[in-house]
Amino acid sequence: MAAPKGFLAVYVGEIQKKRYVVPISYLSQPSFQALLSRSEEEFEFDYPMGGLTIPCPEDTFINVTSQLQ
């Protein structure tokens, strides 16, 4: 299922991946960029789901994105 225009599908989780749809504007936010950088350093980016996969704890992702809304 494609994300709506202006949004990006992100798969989050360490073992079980959950799909989130976030605004593309999050990519320019320093806290979201920090999450992506930390994920890349610790886990490297992996795209087995066909979209951006962030293998971090789901609660970490939720905490970061809730501050952006």
PDB file of N, CA and C in Angstrom:
ATOM      1  N   MET A   1       0.846  -1.181   0.000  1.00  0.00           N
ATOM      2  CA  MET A   1       0.000   0.000   0.000  1.00  0.00           C
ATOM      3  C   MET A   1       0.888   1.240   0.000  1.00  0.00           C
ATOM      4  N   ALA A   2       0.701   2.084  -0.939  1.00  0.00           N
ATOM      5  CA  ALA A   2       1.515   3.279  -1.079  1.00  0.00           C
ATOM      6  C   ALA A   2       1.115   4.335  -0.044  1.00  0.00           C
ATOM      7  N   ALA A   3       2.110   5.093   0.399  1.00  0.00           N
ATOM      8  CA  ALA A   3       1.847   6.199   1.322  1.00  0.00           C
ATOM      9  C   ALA A   3       1.228   7.352   0.525  1.00  0.00           C
ATOM     10  N   PRO A   4       0.366   8.135   1.152  1.00  0.00           N
ATOM     11  CA  PRO A   4      -0.216   9.286   0.456  1.00  0.00           C
ATOM     12  C   PRO A   4       0.863  10.291   0.056  1.00  0.00           C
ATOM     13  N   LYS A   5       0.550  11.109  -0.894  1.00  0.00           N
ATOM     14  CA  LYS A   5       1.484  12.131  -1.346  1.00  0.00           C
ATOM     15  C   LYS A   5       1.880  13.010  -0.159  1.00  0.00           C
ATOM     16  N   GLY A   6       3.181  13.249  -0.021  1.00  0.00           N
ATOM     17  CA  GLY A   6       3.683  14.082   1.061  1.00  0.00           C
ATOM     18  C   GLY A   6       4.004  13.297   2.327  1.00  0.00           C
ATOM     19  N   PHE A   7       3.847  11.979   2.263  1.00  0.00           N
ATOM     20  CA  PHE A   7       4.108  11.118   3.412  1.00  0.00           C
ATOM     21  C   PHE A   7       5.073  10.008   3.022  1.00  0.00           C
ATOM     22  N   LEU A   8       5.645   9.387   4.031  1.00  0.00           N
ATOM     23  CA  LEU A   8       6.634   8.339   3.851  1.00  0.00           C
ATOM     24  C   LEU A   8       6.288   7.169   4.757  1.00  0.00           C
ATOM     25  N   ALA A   9       6.317   5.961   4.211  1.00  0.00           N
ATOM     26  CA  ALA A   9       6.094   4.765   5.030  1.00  0.00           C
ATOM     27  C   ALA A   9       7.408   4.381   5.694  1.00  0.00           C
ATOM     28  N   VAL A  10       7.353   4.137   6.983  1.00  0.00           N
ATOM     29  CA  VAL A  10       8.522   3.764   7.771  1.00  0.00           C
ATOM     30  C   VAL A  10       8.156   2.520   8.564  1.00  0.00           C
ATOM     31  N   TYR A  11       9.031   1.542   8.543  1.00  0.00           N
ATOM     32  CA  TYR A  11       8.829   0.313   9.316  1.00  0.00           C
ATOM     33  C   TYR A  11       9.731   0.375  10.533  1.00  0.00           C
ATOM     34  N   VAL A  12       9.142   0.221  11.711  1.00  0.00           N
ATOM     35  CA  VAL A  12       9.856   0.440  12.968  1.00  0.00           C
ATOM     36  C   VAL A  12       9.730  -0.793  13.852  1.00  0.00           C
ATOM     37  N   GLY A  13      10.826  -1.125  14.491  1.00  0.00           N
ATOM     38  CA  GLY A  13      10.811  -2.215  15.454  1.00  0.00           C
ATOM     39  C   GLY A  13      12.082  -3.017  15.399  1.00  0.00           C
ATOM     40  N   GLU A  14      12.391  -3.670  16.501  1.00  0.00           N
ATOM     41  CA  GLU A  14      13.605  -4.465  16.567  1.00  0.00           C
ATOM     42  C   GLU A  14      13.388  -5.872  16.009  1.00  0.00           C
ATOM     43  N   ILE A  15      12.284  -6.490  16.343  1.00  0.00           N
ATOM     44  CA  ILE A  15      11.996  -7.834  15.846  1.00  0.00           C
ATOM     45  C   ILE A  15      10.760  -7.770  14.954  1.00  0.00           C
ATOM     46  N   GLN A  16       9.650  -7.405  15.520  1.00  0.00           N
ATOM     47  CA  GLN A  16       8.392  -7.246  14.787  1.00  0.00           C
ATOM     48  C   GLN A  16       8.345  -5.822  14.247  1.00  0.00           C
ATOM     49  N   LYS A  17       8.215  -5.657  12.957  1.00  0.00           N
ATOM     50  CA  LYS A  17       8.186  -4.331  12.334  1.00  0.00           C
ATOM     51  C   LYS A  17       6.742  -3.851  12.204  1.00  0.00           C
ATOM     52  N   LYS A  18       6.533  -2.598  12.606  1.00  0.00           N
ATOM     53  CA  LYS A  18       5.212  -1.991  12.484  1.00  0.00           C
ATOM     54  C   LYS A  18       5.319  -0.826  11.500  1.00  0.00           C
ATOM     55  N   ARG A  19       4.352  -0.699  10.624  1.00  0.00           N
ATOM     56  CA  ARG A  19       4.359   0.343   9.596  1.00  0.00           C
ATOM     57  C   ARG A  19       3.741   1.625  10.143  1.00  0.00           C
ATOM     58  N   TYR A  20       4.465   2.717   9.953  1.00  0.00           N
ATOM     59  CA  TYR A  20       3.970   4.053  10.286  1.00  0.00           C
ATOM     60  C   TYR A  20       4.050   4.898   9.023  1.00  0.00           C
ATOM     61  N   VAL A  21       3.140   5.816   8.882  1.00  0.00           N
ATOM     62  CA  VAL A  21       3.169   6.769   7.774  1.00  0.00           C
ATOM     63  C   VAL A  21       3.388   8.141   8.395  1.00  0.00           C
ATOM     64  N   VAL A  22       4.506   8.762   8.031  1.00  0.00           N
ATOM     65  CA  VAL A  22       4.879  10.043   8.617  1.00  0.00           C
ATOM     66  C   VAL A  22       5.042  11.086   7.514  1.00  0.00           C
ATOM     67  N   PRO A  23       4.839  12.342   7.850  1.00  0.00           N
ATOM     68  CA  PRO A  23       5.043  13.399   6.851  1.00  0.00           C
ATOM     69  C   PRO A  23       6.499  13.457   6.398  1.00  0.00           C
ATOM     70  N   ILE A  24       6.710  13.705   5.132  1.00  0.00           N
ATOM     71  CA  ILE A  24       8.068  13.841   4.601  1.00  0.00           C
ATOM     72  C   ILE A  24       8.805  14.973   5.311  1.00  0.00           C
ATOM     73  N   SER A  25       8.079  15.949   5.802  1.00  0.00           N
ATOM     74  CA  SER A  25       8.713  17.080   6.489  1.00  0.00           C
ATOM     75  C   SER A  25       9.508  16.637   7.718  1.00  0.00           C
ATOM     76  N   TYR A  26       9.196  15.459   8.276  1.00  0.00           N
ATOM     77  CA  TYR A  26       9.961  14.937   9.419  1.00  0.00           C
ATOM     78  C   TYR A  26      11.430  14.733   9.060  1.00  0.00           C
ATOM     79  N   LEU A  27      11.702  14.457   7.782  1.00  0.00           N
ATOM     80  CA  LEU A  27      13.079  14.202   7.367  1.00  0.00           C
ATOM     81  C   LEU A  27      13.995  15.402   7.576  1.00  0.00           C
ATOM     82  N   SER A  28      13.421  16.591   7.641  1.00  0.00           N
ATOM     83  CA  SER A  28      14.237  17.791   7.845  1.00  0.00           C
ATOM     84  C   SER A  28      14.344  18.194   9.313  1.00  0.00           C
ATOM     85  N   GLN A  29      13.675  17.469  10.193  1.00  0.00           N
ATOM     86  CA  GLN A  29      13.690  17.793  11.625  1.00  0.00           C
ATOM     87  C   GLN A  29      14.931  17.193  12.293  1.00  0.00           C
ATOM     88  N   PRO A  30      15.670  17.991  13.060  1.00  0.00           N
ATOM     89  CA  PRO A  30      16.896  17.505  13.702  1.00  0.00           C
ATOM     90  C   PRO A  30      16.695  16.262  14.569  1.00  0.00           C
ATOM     91  N   SER A  31      15.608  16.177  15.307  1.00  0.00           N
ATOM     92  CA  SER A  31      15.406  15.012  16.174  1.00  0.00           C
ATOM     93  C   SER A  31      15.148  13.744  15.345  1.00  0.00           C
ATOM     94  N   PHE A  32      14.437  13.865  14.232  1.00  0.00           N
ATOM     95  CA  PHE A  32      14.196  12.709  13.371  1.00  0.00           C
ATOM     96  C   PHE A  32      15.486  12.311  12.665  1.00  0.00           C
ATOM     97  N   GLN A  33      16.270  13.303  12.234  1.00  0.00           N
ATOM     98  CA  GLN A  33      17.564  13.019  11.617  1.00  0.00           C
ATOM     99  C   GLN A  33      18.495  12.319  12.604  1.00  0.00           C
ATOM    100  N   ALA A  34      18.440  12.735  13.865  1.00  0.00           N
ATOM    101  CA  ALA A  34      19.257  12.086  14.893  1.00  0.00           C
ATOM    102  C   ALA A  34      18.849  10.622  15.059  1.00  0.00           C
ATOM    103  N   LEU A  35      17.555  10.357  15.035  1.00  0.00           N
ATOM    104  CA  LEU A  35      17.066   8.983  15.131  1.00  0.00           C
ATOM    105  C   LEU A  35      17.568   8.153  13.951  1.00  0.00           C
ATOM    106  N   LEU A  36      17.496   8.711  12.756  1.00  0.00           N
ATOM    107  CA  LEU A  36      17.983   8.004  11.575  1.00  0.00           C
ATOM    108  C   LEU A  36      19.488   7.756  11.661  1.00  0.00           C
ATOM    109  N   SER A  37      20.230   8.760  12.097  1.00  0.00           N
ATOM    110  CA  SER A  37      21.685   8.612  12.221  1.00  0.00           C
ATOM    111  C   SER A  37      22.050   7.565  13.261  1.00  0.00           C
ATOM    112  N   ARG A  38      21.376   7.611  14.393  1.00  0.00           N
ATOM    113  CA  ARG A  38      21.648   6.639  15.458  1.00  0.00           C
ATOM    114  C   ARG A  38      21.305   5.229  14.985  1.00  0.00           C
ATOM    115  N   SER A  39      20.198   5.094  14.278  1.00  0.00           N
ATOM    116  CA  SER A  39      19.817   3.785  13.746  1.00  0.00           C
ATOM    117  C   SER A  39      20.845   3.285  12.736  1.00  0.00           C
ATOM    118  N   GLU A  40      21.315   4.192  11.901  1.00  0.00           N
ATOM    119  CA  GLU A  40      22.320   3.802  10.903  1.00  0.00           C
ATOM    120  C   GLU A  40      23.619   3.366  11.583  1.00  0.00           C
ATOM    121  N   GLU A  41      24.057   4.108  12.600  1.00  0.00           N
ATOM    122  CA  GLU A  41      25.300   3.774  13.302  1.00  0.00           C
ATOM    123  C   GLU A  41      25.195   2.445  14.037  1.00  0.00           C
ATOM    124  N   GLU A  42      24.085   2.237  14.715  1.00  0.00           N
ATOM    125  CA  GLU A  42      23.926   1.047  15.538  1.00  0.00           C
ATOM    126  C   GLU A  42      23.526  -0.185  14.742  1.00  0.00           C
ATOM    127  N   PHE A  43      22.660  -0.014  13.755  1.00  0.00           N
ATOM    128  CA  PHE A  43      22.059  -1.163  13.098  1.00  0.00           C
ATOM    129  C   PHE A  43      22.275  -1.201  11.596  1.00  0.00           C
ATOM    130  N   GLU A  44      22.759  -0.115  11.013  1.00  0.00           N
ATOM    131  CA  GLU A  44      22.828   0.064   9.568  1.00  0.00           C
ATOM    132  C   GLU A  44      21.408   0.035   9.007  1.00  0.00           C
ATOM    133  N   PHE A  45      21.202   0.716   7.914  1.00  0.00           N
ATOM    134  CA  PHE A  45      19.878   0.734   7.310  1.00  0.00           C
ATOM    135  C   PHE A  45      19.637  -0.584   6.592  1.00  0.00           C
ATOM    136  N   ASP A  46      18.441  -1.068   6.704  1.00  0.00           N
ATOM    137  CA  ASP A  46      18.042  -2.329   6.088  1.00  0.00           C
ATOM    138  C   ASP A  46      16.631  -2.111   5.545  1.00  0.00           C
ATOM    139  N   TYR A  47      16.381  -2.583   4.337  1.00  0.00           N
ATOM    140  CA  TYR A  47      15.092  -2.328   3.711  1.00  0.00           C
ATOM    141  C   TYR A  47      14.372  -3.610   3.307  1.00  0.00           C
ATOM    142  N   PRO A  48      14.232  -4.587   4.189  1.00  0.00           N
ATOM    143  CA  PRO A  48      13.586  -5.832   3.794  1.00  0.00           C
ATOM    144  C   PRO A  48      12.084  -5.683   3.537  1.00  0.00           C
ATOM    145  N   MET A  49      11.484  -4.648   4.051  1.00  0.00           N
ATOM    146  CA  MET A  49      10.041  -4.474   3.906  1.00  0.00           C
ATOM    147  C   MET A  49       9.698  -3.652   2.660  1.00  0.00           C
ATOM    148  N   GLY A  50      10.710  -3.180   1.924  1.00  0.00           N
ATOM    149  CA  GLY A  50      10.460  -2.385   0.740  1.00  0.00           C
ATOM    150  C   GLY A  50      10.322  -0.901   1.035  1.00  0.00           C
ATOM    151  N   GLY A  51      10.530  -0.508   2.265  1.00  0.00           N
ATOM    152  CA  GLY A  51      10.482   0.896   2.672  1.00  0.00           C
ATOM    153  C   GLY A  51      11.565   1.147   3.699  1.00  0.00           C
ATOM    154  N   LEU A  52      11.659   2.358   4.139  1.00  0.00           N
ATOM    155  CA  LEU A  52      12.654   2.714   5.139  1.00  0.00           C
ATOM    156  C   LEU A  52      12.373   1.928   6.414  1.00  0.00           C
ATOM    157  N   THR A  53      13.368   1.180   6.872  1.00  0.00           N
ATOM    158  CA  THR A  53      13.234   0.382   8.080  1.00  0.00           C
ATOM    159  C   THR A  53      14.157   0.940   9.147  1.00  0.00           C
ATOM    160  N   ILE A  54      13.589   1.254  10.299  1.00  0.00           N
ATOM    161  CA  ILE A  54      14.364   1.768  11.428  1.00  0.00           C
ATOM    162  C   ILE A  54      14.270   0.724  12.539  1.00  0.00           C
ATOM    163  N   PRO A  55      15.345  -0.042  12.741  1.00  0.00           N
ATOM    164  CA  PRO A  55      15.291  -1.122  13.720  1.00  0.00           C
ATOM    165  C   PRO A  55      15.558  -0.652  15.152  1.00  0.00           C
ATOM    166  N   CYS A  56      14.791   0.314  15.594  1.00  0.00           N
ATOM    167  CA  CYS A  56      14.923   0.816  16.960  1.00  0.00           C
ATOM    168  C   CYS A  56      13.667   0.424  17.739  1.00  0.00           C
ATOM    169  N   PRO A  57      13.708   0.544  19.049  1.00  0.00           N
ATOM    170  CA  PRO A  57      12.487   0.252  19.815  1.00  0.00           C
ATOM    171  C   PRO A  57      11.342   1.164  19.369  1.00  0.00           C
ATOM    172  N   GLU A  58      10.168   0.601  19.279  1.00  0.00           N
ATOM    173  CA  GLU A  58       8.998   1.350  18.817  1.00  0.00           C
ATOM    174  C   GLU A  58       8.709   2.554  19.719  1.00  0.00           C
ATOM    175  N   ASP A  59       8.894   2.407  21.026  1.00  0.00           N
ATOM    176  CA  ASP A  59       8.619   3.524  21.936  1.00  0.00           C
ATOM    177  C   ASP A  59       9.571   4.686  21.700  1.00  0.00           C
ATOM    178  N   THR A  60      10.801   4.414  21.291  1.00  0.00           N
ATOM    179  CA  THR A  60      11.743   5.491  20.959  1.00  0.00           C
ATOM    180  C   THR A  60      11.235   6.276  19.760  1.00  0.00           C
ATOM    181  N   PHE A  61      10.796   5.562  18.734  1.00  0.00           N
ATOM    182  CA  PHE A  61      10.257   6.196  17.536  1.00  0.00           C
ATOM    183  C   PHE A  61       9.034   7.037  17.878  1.00  0.00           C
ATOM    184  N   ILE A  62       8.150   6.498  18.679  1.00  0.00           N
ATOM    185  CA  ILE A  62       6.930   7.219  19.070  1.00  0.00           C
ATOM    186  C   ILE A  62       7.265   8.474  19.863  1.00  0.00           C
ATOM    187  N   ASN A  63       8.236   8.378  20.768  1.00  0.00           N
ATOM    188  CA  ASN A  63       8.647   9.559  21.547  1.00  0.00           C
ATOM    189  C   ASN A  63       9.187  10.665  20.638  1.00  0.00           C
ATOM    190  N   VAL A  64      10.014  10.298  19.681  1.00  0.00           N
ATOM    191  CA  VAL A  64      10.583  11.289  18.766  1.00  0.00           C
ATOM    192  C   VAL A  64       9.494  11.925  17.914  1.00  0.00           C
ATOM    193  N   THR A  65       8.657  11.109  17.298  1.00  0.00           N
ATOM    194  CA  THR A  65       7.653  11.655  16.382  1.00  0.00           C
ATOM    195  C   THR A  65       6.541  12.408  17.114  1.00  0.00           C
ATOM    196  N   SER A  66       6.254  12.034  18.339  1.00  0.00           N
ATOM    197  CA  SER A  66       5.209  12.761  19.070  1.00  0.00           C
ATOM    198  C   SER A  66       5.646  14.188  19.395  1.00  0.00           C
ATOM    199  N   GLN A  67       6.932  14.397  19.508  1.00  0.00           N
ATOM    200  CA  GLN A  67       7.453  15.750  19.750  1.00  0.00           C
ATOM    201  C   GLN A  67       7.402  16.610  18.500  1.00  0.00           C
ATOM    202  N   LEU A  68       7.309  15.981  17.341  1.00  0.00           N
ATOM    203  CA  LEU A  68       7.285  16.709  16.069  1.00  0.00           C
ATOM    204  C   LEU A  68       5.884  17.131  15.661  1.00  0.00           C
ATOM    205  N   GLN A  69       4.872  16.544  16.254  1.00  0.00           N
ATOM    206  CA  GLN A  69       3.498  16.839  15.835  1.00  0.00           C
ATOM    207  C   GLN A  69       3.007  18.135  16.404  1.00  0.00           C
TER     208      GLN A  69
END
